[in-house]
């Protein structure tokens, strides 16, 4: 409690005591707050620098962006070679008999 009084303003401590609703719950609240503050201090001291090179990005890569030239080249290199049958179908411009396209609209 004394540590909390030193670290937090008096108004916040009074507000915490009023909100806790009793001595037992106040002690539990204080233990929880102390644990959170210790955790925050540890996290801040052990945190990684923001400008770390080569690390994982802190945000996901968006899906809707067009692929870059290097990504397209990499996909082209990694593709399996086409079979003669696939090349024949591509030159004819027809879909194979086993393939059916999805309908443009939903039917009930």
C-alpha atoms as a PDB file:
ATOM      1  CA  UNK A   1       0.000   0.000   0.000  1.00  0.00           C
ATOM      2  CA  UNK A   2       2.837   2.360   0.844  1.00  0.00           C
ATOM      3  CA  UNK A   3       4.509   1.648  -2.493  1.00  0.00           C
ATOM      4  CA  UNK A   4       1.257   2.416  -4.271  1.00  0.00           C
ATOM      5  CA  UNK A   5       0.932   5.686  -2.358  1.00  0.00           C
ATOM      6  CA  UNK A   6       4.440   6.660  -3.454  1.00  0.00           C
ATOM      7  CA  UNK A   7       3.909   5.751  -7.115  1.00  0.00           C
ATOM      8  CA  UNK A   8       0.306   6.867  -7.685  1.00  0.00           C
ATOM      9  CA  UNK A   9      -1.393  10.165  -6.851  1.00  0.00           C
ATOM     10  CA  UNK A  10      -3.473  10.306  -3.667  1.00  0.00           C
ATOM     11  CA  UNK A  11      -6.729  10.673  -5.613  1.00  0.00           C
ATOM     12  CA  UNK A  12      -6.141   7.425  -7.499  1.00  0.00           C
ATOM     13  CA  UNK A  13      -5.409   5.539  -4.272  1.00  0.00           C
ATOM     14  CA  UNK A  14      -8.595   6.878  -2.654  1.00  0.00           C
ATOM     15  CA  UNK A  15     -10.592   5.986  -5.753  1.00  0.00           C
ATOM     16  CA  UNK A  16      -9.162   2.454  -5.667  1.00  0.00           C
ATOM     17  CA  UNK A  17     -10.090   2.012  -1.998  1.00  0.00           C
ATOM     18  CA  UNK A  18     -13.663   3.183  -2.633  1.00  0.00           C
ATOM     19  CA  UNK A  19     -14.083   0.958  -5.707  1.00  0.00           C
ATOM     20  CA  UNK A  20     -12.707  -2.178  -4.053  1.00  0.00           C
ATOM     21  CA  UNK A  21     -15.618  -2.480  -1.612  1.00  0.00           C
ATOM     22  CA  UNK A  22     -13.894  -4.017   1.416  1.00  0.00           C
ATOM     23  CA  UNK A  23     -10.612  -4.818   3.111  1.00  0.00           C
ATOM     24  CA  UNK A  24     -10.239  -8.346   1.702  1.00  0.00           C
ATOM     25  CA  UNK A  25     -11.020  -7.303  -1.842  1.00  0.00           C
ATOM     26  CA  UNK A  26      -8.768  -4.253  -1.438  1.00  0.00           C
ATOM     27  CA  UNK A  27      -5.830  -6.491  -0.543  1.00  0.00           C
ATOM     28  CA  UNK A  28      -6.563  -8.687  -3.569  1.00  0.00           C
ATOM     29  CA  UNK A  29      -6.786  -5.628  -5.813  1.00  0.00           C
ATOM     30  CA  UNK A  30      -3.487  -4.305  -4.496  1.00  0.00           C
ATOM     31  CA  UNK A  31      -1.744  -7.613  -5.150  1.00  0.00           C
ATOM     32  CA  UNK A  32      -3.130  -7.640  -8.681  1.00  0.00           C
ATOM     33  CA  UNK A  33      -2.086  -4.059  -9.364  1.00  0.00           C
ATOM     34  CA  UNK A  34       1.395  -4.706  -7.986  1.00  0.00           C
ATOM     35  CA  UNK A  35       1.750  -7.781 -10.201  1.00  0.00           C
ATOM     36  CA  UNK A  36       0.663  -5.793 -13.271  1.00  0.00           C
ATOM     37  CA  UNK A  37       3.098  -2.988 -12.508  1.00  0.00           C
ATOM     38  CA  UNK A  38       5.960  -5.445 -12.017  1.00  0.00           C
ATOM     39  CA  UNK A  39       5.039  -7.103 -15.303  1.00  0.00           C
ATOM     40  CA  UNK A  40       5.003  -3.763 -17.103  1.00  0.00           C
ATOM     41  CA  UNK A  41       8.407  -2.847 -15.713  1.00  0.00           C
ATOM     42  CA  UNK A  42       9.844  -6.194 -16.816  1.00  0.00           C
ATOM     43  CA  UNK A  43       8.290  -5.887 -20.270  1.00  0.00           C
ATOM     44  CA  UNK A  44       9.684  -2.391 -20.755  1.00  0.00           C
ATOM     45  CA  UNK A  45      13.160  -3.403 -19.678  1.00  0.00           C
ATOM     46  CA  UNK A  46      13.190  -6.540 -21.836  1.00  0.00           C
ATOM     47  CA  UNK A  47      11.468  -5.078 -24.868  1.00  0.00           C
ATOM     48  CA  UNK A  48      13.144  -5.224 -28.252  1.00  0.00           C
ATOM     49  CA  UNK A  49      14.273  -2.058 -29.973  1.00  0.00           C
ATOM     50  CA  UNK A  50      11.740  -0.810 -32.497  1.00  0.00           C
ATOM     51  CA  UNK A  51      14.241  -0.367 -35.318  1.00  0.00           C
ATOM     52  CA  UNK A  52      15.554  -3.950 -35.364  1.00  0.00           C
ATOM     53  CA  UNK A  53      16.559  -4.949 -38.881  1.00  0.00           C
ATOM     54  CA  UNK A  54      15.609  -8.342 -40.276  1.00  0.00           C
ATOM     55  CA  UNK A  55      13.059  -9.046 -37.555  1.00  0.00           C
ATOM     56  CA  UNK A  56       9.445  -9.986 -37.920  1.00  0.00           C
ATOM     57  CA  UNK A  57       7.171  -7.141 -38.950  1.00  0.00           C
ATOM     58  CA  UNK A  58       4.866  -5.851 -36.211  1.00  0.00           C
ATOM     59  CA  UNK A  59       1.951  -5.708 -38.663  1.00  0.00           C
ATOM     60  CA  UNK A  60       0.565  -8.191 -41.212  1.00  0.00           C
ATOM     61  CA  UNK A  61       1.215  -7.853 -44.921  1.00  0.00           C
ATOM     62  CA  UNK A  62      -2.053  -6.815 -46.648  1.00  0.00           C
ATOM     63  CA  UNK A  63      -3.605  -9.325 -49.049  1.00  0.00           C
ATOM     64  CA  UNK A  64      -5.053  -6.970 -51.639  1.00  0.00           C
ATOM     65  CA  UNK A  65      -1.802  -5.484 -52.914  1.00  0.00           C
ATOM     66  CA  UNK A  66      -0.549  -6.589 -56.326  1.00  0.00           C
ATOM     67  CA  UNK A  67       2.492  -8.847 -56.262  1.00  0.00           C
ATOM     68  CA  UNK A  68       5.871  -7.289 -56.809  1.00  0.00           C
ATOM     69  CA  UNK A  69       8.073  -8.195 -59.767  1.00  0.00           C
ATOM     70  CA  UNK A  70      10.372 -10.303 -57.590  1.00  0.00           C
ATOM     71  CA  UNK A  71       7.411 -12.261 -56.180  1.00  0.00           C
ATOM     72  CA  UNK A  72       6.096 -12.941 -59.681  1.00  0.00           C
ATOM     73  CA  UNK A  73       9.531 -14.113 -60.848  1.00  0.00           C
ATOM     74  CA  UNK A  74       9.879 -16.384 -57.823  1.00  0.00           C
ATOM     75  CA  UNK A  75       6.465 -17.953 -58.456  1.00  0.00           C
ATOM     76  CA  UNK A  76       7.375 -18.526 -62.091  1.00  0.00           C
ATOM     77  CA  UNK A  77      10.625 -20.271 -61.109  1.00  0.00           C
ATOM     78  CA  UNK A  78       8.869 -22.459 -58.521  1.00  0.00           C
ATOM     79  CA  UNK A  79       6.048 -23.597 -60.798  1.00  0.00           C
ATOM     80  CA  UNK A  80       5.953 -27.217 -61.881  1.00  0.00           C
ATOM     81  CA  UNK A  81       6.603 -27.725 -65.578  1.00  0.00           C
ATOM     82  CA  UNK A  82       3.460 -28.085 -67.651  1.00  0.00           C
ATOM     83  CA  UNK A  83       2.525 -31.468 -69.018  1.00  0.00           C
ATOM     84  CA  UNK A  84       1.937 -31.818 -72.756  1.00  0.00           C
ATOM     85  CA  UNK A  85      -1.790 -32.204 -72.074  1.00  0.00           C
ATOM     86  CA  UNK A  86      -1.897 -28.936 -70.096  1.00  0.00           C
ATOM     87  CA  UNK A  87      -0.080 -27.084 -72.878  1.00  0.00           C
ATOM     88  CA  UNK A  88      -2.541 -28.509 -75.411  1.00  0.00           C
ATOM     89  CA  UNK A  89      -5.527 -27.329 -73.356  1.00  0.00           C
ATOM     90  CA  UNK A  90      -4.013 -23.864 -72.988  1.00  0.00           C
ATOM     91  CA  UNK A  91      -3.457 -23.507 -76.723  1.00  0.00           C
ATOM     92  CA  UNK A  92      -6.997 -24.656 -77.488  1.00  0.00           C
ATOM     93  CA  UNK A  93      -8.432 -22.322 -74.892  1.00  0.00           C
ATOM     94  CA  UNK A  94     -10.950 -24.875 -73.614  1.00  0.00           C
ATOM     95  CA  UNK A  95     -11.492 -26.170 -70.121  1.00  0.00           C
ATOM     96  CA  UNK A  96     -11.100 -29.904 -69.444  1.00  0.00           C
ATOM     97  CA  UNK A  97     -14.250 -32.030 -69.346  1.00  0.00           C
ATOM     98  CA  UNK A  98     -13.988 -32.672 -65.619  1.00  0.00           C
ATOM     99  CA  UNK A  99     -13.878 -28.961 -64.740  1.00  0.00           C
ATOM    100  CA  UNK A 100     -17.096 -27.009 -64.267  1.00  0.00           C
ATOM    101  CA  UNK A 101     -17.136 -23.302 -63.566  1.00  0.00           C
ATOM    102  CA  UNK A 102     -19.041 -21.885 -60.623  1.00  0.00           C
ATOM    103  CA  UNK A 103     -22.342 -20.236 -61.588  1.00  0.00           C
ATOM    104  CA  UNK A 104     -22.440 -16.451 -61.808  1.00  0.00           C
ATOM    105  CA  UNK A 105     -25.463 -16.338 -59.520  1.00  0.00           C
ATOM    106  CA  UNK A 106     -26.795 -18.505 -56.745  1.00  0.00           C
ATOM    107  CA  UNK A 107     -29.738 -20.754 -57.599  1.00  0.00           C
ATOM    108  CA  UNK A 108     -32.150 -22.261 -55.074  1.00  0.00           C
END
